[in-house]
Amino acid sequence: MESSIDRRIFERMHDDFTGWYTLKDNEKILGEFAGLDFSGSGIRINARRRILEGRALDVSLVSVKVSEPIKESAQVIWQRELSPGWWQAGLRFYHPGLAHLWPLVHPEQYQED
């Protein structure tokens, strides 16, 4: 039996965040999602509709920890139907790194006194 090897460069972190997505370079919102976890390389989400794998998206992440949405470009790497009308998907950022997600990692640095 093969063991599962985690090849992640960035640690996976869990947080409450939601958001929406559009097709790359298009402002029309296609859908909203609930975030499950994130890392410097991408996010895992639950959504009410299927998104074509390989599709390039502009993603906006919203959290009570930040005042403005965090915007990132990502590609749909995988998805699976959880139940009728609910999909889970993995999105990979085009520019991996935690710099853009720093407000979620260390929100205390972004709170006003």
C-alpha atoms as a PDB file:
ATOM      1  CA  MET A   1       0.000   0.000   0.000  1.00  0.00           C
ATOM      2  CA  GLU A   2       1.429   3.381  -1.007  1.00  0.00           C
ATOM      3  CA  SER A   3       1.716   6.104   1.584  1.00  0.00           C
ATOM      4  CA  SER A   4       0.475   9.566   0.749  1.00  0.00           C
ATOM      5  CA  ILE A   5       3.368  12.009   0.449  1.00  0.00           C
ATOM      6  CA  ASP A   6       2.605  15.667   1.038  1.00  0.00           C
ATOM      7  CA  ARG A   7       4.586  17.678  -1.503  1.00  0.00           C
ATOM      8  CA  ARG A   8       3.341  21.068  -0.354  1.00  0.00           C
ATOM      9  CA  ILE A   9       5.813  23.913  -0.215  1.00  0.00           C
ATOM     10  CA  PHE A  10       3.508  26.008   1.992  1.00  0.00           C
ATOM     11  CA  GLU A  11       1.671  24.888   5.112  1.00  0.00           C
ATOM     12  CA  ARG A  12      -2.103  24.573   4.782  1.00  0.00           C
ATOM     13  CA  MET A  13      -3.976  26.953   7.105  1.00  0.00           C
ATOM     14  CA  HIS A  14      -7.625  26.938   8.088  1.00  0.00           C
ATOM     15  CA  ASP A  15      -9.565  30.171   8.369  1.00  0.00           C
ATOM     16  CA  ASP A  16     -13.050  31.577   7.896  1.00  0.00           C
ATOM     17  CA  PHE A  17     -13.161  33.297   4.537  1.00  0.00           C
ATOM     18  CA  THR A  18     -15.576  33.606   1.685  1.00  0.00           C
ATOM     19  CA  GLY A  19     -15.321  35.186  -1.712  1.00  0.00           C
ATOM     20  CA  TRP A  20     -16.307  35.342  -5.318  1.00  0.00           C
ATOM     21  CA  TYR A  21     -14.726  34.584  -8.654  1.00  0.00           C
ATOM     22  CA  THR A  22     -14.810  35.898 -12.196  1.00  0.00           C
ATOM     23  CA  LEU A  23     -13.222  34.653 -15.378  1.00  0.00           C
ATOM     24  CA  LYS A  24      -9.726  36.085 -15.783  1.00  0.00           C
ATOM     25  CA  ASP A  25      -9.898  39.731 -16.904  1.00  0.00           C
ATOM     26  CA  ASN A  26     -13.703  39.796 -16.777  1.00  0.00           C
ATOM     27  CA  GLU A  27     -15.608  41.676 -14.071  1.00  0.00           C
ATOM     28  CA  LYS A  28     -18.852  39.657 -14.214  1.00  0.00           C
ATOM     29  CA  ILE A  29     -19.126  37.601 -11.000  1.00  0.00           C
ATOM     30  CA  LEU A  30     -19.717  33.950 -11.879  1.00  0.00           C
ATOM     31  CA  GLY A  31     -20.163  32.600  -8.390  1.00  0.00           C
ATOM     32  CA  GLU A  32     -19.431  32.804  -4.693  1.00  0.00           C
ATOM     33  CA  PHE A  33     -17.647  30.328  -2.449  1.00  0.00           C
ATOM     34  CA  ALA A  34     -16.935  29.380   1.139  1.00  0.00           C
ATOM     35  CA  GLY A  35     -13.255  28.892   1.848  1.00  0.00           C
ATOM     36  CA  LEU A  36     -12.063  25.749   3.597  1.00  0.00           C
ATOM     37  CA  ASP A  37      -8.324  26.334   3.829  1.00  0.00           C
ATOM     38  CA  PHE A  38      -5.483  28.164   2.137  1.00  0.00           C
ATOM     39  CA  SER A  39      -1.757  28.088   1.651  1.00  0.00           C
ATOM     40  CA  GLY A  40       0.714  30.235  -0.196  1.00  0.00           C
ATOM     41  CA  SER A  41       0.069  28.184  -3.312  1.00  0.00           C
ATOM     42  CA  GLY A  42      -3.742  28.112  -3.383  1.00  0.00           C
ATOM     43  CA  ILE A  43      -7.115  27.631  -1.723  1.00  0.00           C
ATOM     44  CA  ARG A  44      -9.703  24.896  -1.291  1.00  0.00           C
ATOM     45  CA  ILE A  45     -13.309  26.034  -1.611  1.00  0.00           C
ATOM     46  CA  ASN A  46     -16.931  24.870  -1.623  1.00  0.00           C
ATOM     47  CA  ALA A  47     -19.114  26.391  -4.330  1.00  0.00           C
ATOM     48  CA  ARG A  48     -22.680  26.051  -5.570  1.00  0.00           C
ATOM     49  CA  ARG A  49     -21.658  25.463  -9.165  1.00  0.00           C
ATOM     50  CA  ARG A  50     -19.085  23.547 -11.145  1.00  0.00           C
ATOM     51  CA  ILE A  51     -16.144  25.475 -12.601  1.00  0.00           C
ATOM     52  CA  LEU A  52     -14.289  24.046 -15.584  1.00  0.00           C
ATOM     53  CA  GLU A  53     -10.935  22.571 -14.623  1.00  0.00           C
ATOM     54  CA  GLY A  54      -7.999  24.477 -16.052  1.00  0.00           C
ATOM     55  CA  ARG A  55     -10.027  27.689 -16.113  1.00  0.00           C
ATOM     56  CA  ALA A  56      -8.170  30.902 -15.190  1.00  0.00           C
ATOM     57  CA  LEU A  57     -10.021  32.946 -12.573  1.00  0.00           C
ATOM     58  CA  ASP A  58      -9.703  36.211 -10.718  1.00  0.00           C
ATOM     59  CA  VAL A  59     -10.545  35.439  -7.096  1.00  0.00           C
ATOM     60  CA  SER A  60     -11.501  37.855  -4.314  1.00  0.00           C
ATOM     61  CA  LEU A  61     -11.136  36.571  -0.737  1.00  0.00           C
ATOM     62  CA  VAL A  62     -13.111  38.223   2.060  1.00  0.00           C
ATOM     63  CA  SER A  63     -12.523  37.788   5.793  1.00  0.00           C
ATOM     64  CA  VAL A  64     -13.597  39.621   8.930  1.00  0.00           C
ATOM     65  CA  LYS A  65      -9.854  39.961   9.579  1.00  0.00           C
ATOM     66  CA  VAL A  66      -9.253  42.313   6.639  1.00  0.00           C
ATOM     67  CA  SER A  67     -10.996  45.477   5.516  1.00  0.00           C
ATOM     68  CA  GLU A  68     -10.531  44.987   1.760  1.00  0.00           C
ATOM     69  CA  PRO A  69     -10.862  41.808  -0.343  1.00  0.00           C
ATOM     70  CA  ILE A  70      -7.603  40.025  -1.135  1.00  0.00           C
ATOM     71  CA  LYS A  71      -7.415  39.634  -4.909  1.00  0.00           C
ATOM     72  CA  GLU A  72      -5.494  36.879  -6.635  1.00  0.00           C
ATOM     73  CA  SER A  73      -5.427  35.047  -9.973  1.00  0.00           C
ATOM     74  CA  ALA A  74      -5.795  31.278  -9.815  1.00  0.00           C
ATOM     75  CA  GLN A  75      -6.408  28.180 -11.898  1.00  0.00           C
ATOM     76  CA  VAL A  76      -8.916  25.427 -11.120  1.00  0.00           C
ATOM     77  CA  ILE A  77      -6.753  22.326 -10.612  1.00  0.00           C
ATOM     78  CA  TRP A  78      -9.344  19.815  -9.417  1.00  0.00           C
ATOM     79  CA  GLN A  79     -12.942  19.589  -8.297  1.00  0.00           C
ATOM     80  CA  ARG A  80     -15.476  17.021  -7.183  1.00  0.00           C
ATOM     81  CA  GLU A  81     -19.191  17.029  -6.575  1.00  0.00           C
ATOM     82  CA  LEU A  82     -19.934  16.751  -2.851  1.00  0.00           C
ATOM     83  CA  SER A  83     -23.695  16.482  -3.240  1.00  0.00           C
ATOM     84  CA  PRO A  84     -26.198  17.717  -5.819  1.00  0.00           C
ATOM     85  CA  GLY A  85     -25.539  21.438  -6.254  1.00  0.00           C
ATOM     86  CA  TRP A  86     -22.344  21.542  -4.123  1.00  0.00           C
ATOM     87  CA  TRP A  87     -18.834  21.353  -5.526  1.00  0.00           C
ATOM     88  CA  GLN A  88     -15.435  21.381  -3.858  1.00  0.00           C
ATOM     89  CA  ALA A  89     -12.470  22.699  -5.824  1.00  0.00           C
ATOM     90  CA  GLY A  90      -8.757  23.285  -5.458  1.00  0.00           C
ATOM     91  CA  LEU A  91      -7.440  26.532  -6.941  1.00  0.00           C
ATOM     92  CA  ARG A  92      -3.730  27.130  -7.510  1.00  0.00           C
ATOM     93  CA  PHE A  93      -2.417  30.698  -7.440  1.00  0.00           C
ATOM     94  CA  TYR A  94      -0.450  31.816 -10.479  1.00  0.00           C
ATOM     95  CA  HIS A  95       1.992  33.690  -8.228  1.00  0.00           C
ATOM     96  CA  PRO A  96       2.483  31.499  -5.132  1.00  0.00           C
ATOM     97  CA  GLY A  97       3.601  33.113  -1.897  1.00  0.00           C
ATOM     98  CA  LEU A  98       2.183  34.164   1.422  1.00  0.00           C
ATOM     99  CA  ALA A  99       2.747  37.899   0.907  1.00  0.00           C
ATOM    100  CA  HIS A 100      -0.707  38.413  -0.601  1.00  0.00           C
ATOM    101  CA  LEU A 101      -2.346  36.362   2.183  1.00  0.00           C
ATOM    102  CA  TRP A 102      -0.396  37.950   5.028  1.00  0.00           C
ATOM    103  CA  PRO A 103      -3.507  39.726   6.400  1.00  0.00           C
ATOM    104  CA  LEU A 104      -5.130  36.324   6.971  1.00  0.00           C
ATOM    105  CA  VAL A 105      -1.999  34.876   8.555  1.00  0.00           C
ATOM    106  CA  HIS A 106      -1.247  37.864  10.830  1.00  0.00           C
ATOM    107  CA  PRO A 107      -4.400  40.001  11.071  1.00  0.00           C
ATOM    108  CA  GLU A 108      -3.154  41.826  14.158  1.00  0.00           C
ATOM    109  CA  GLN A 109      -0.759  43.743  11.925  1.00  0.00           C
ATOM    110  CA  TYR A 110      -3.690  45.114   9.929  1.00  0.00           C
ATOM    111  CA  GLN A 111      -6.073  46.130  12.708  1.00  0.00           C
ATOM    112  CA  GLU A 112      -6.536  49.740  13.626  1.00  0.00           C
ATOM    113  CA  ASP A 113      -6.059  50.759  17.271  1.00  0.00           C
END
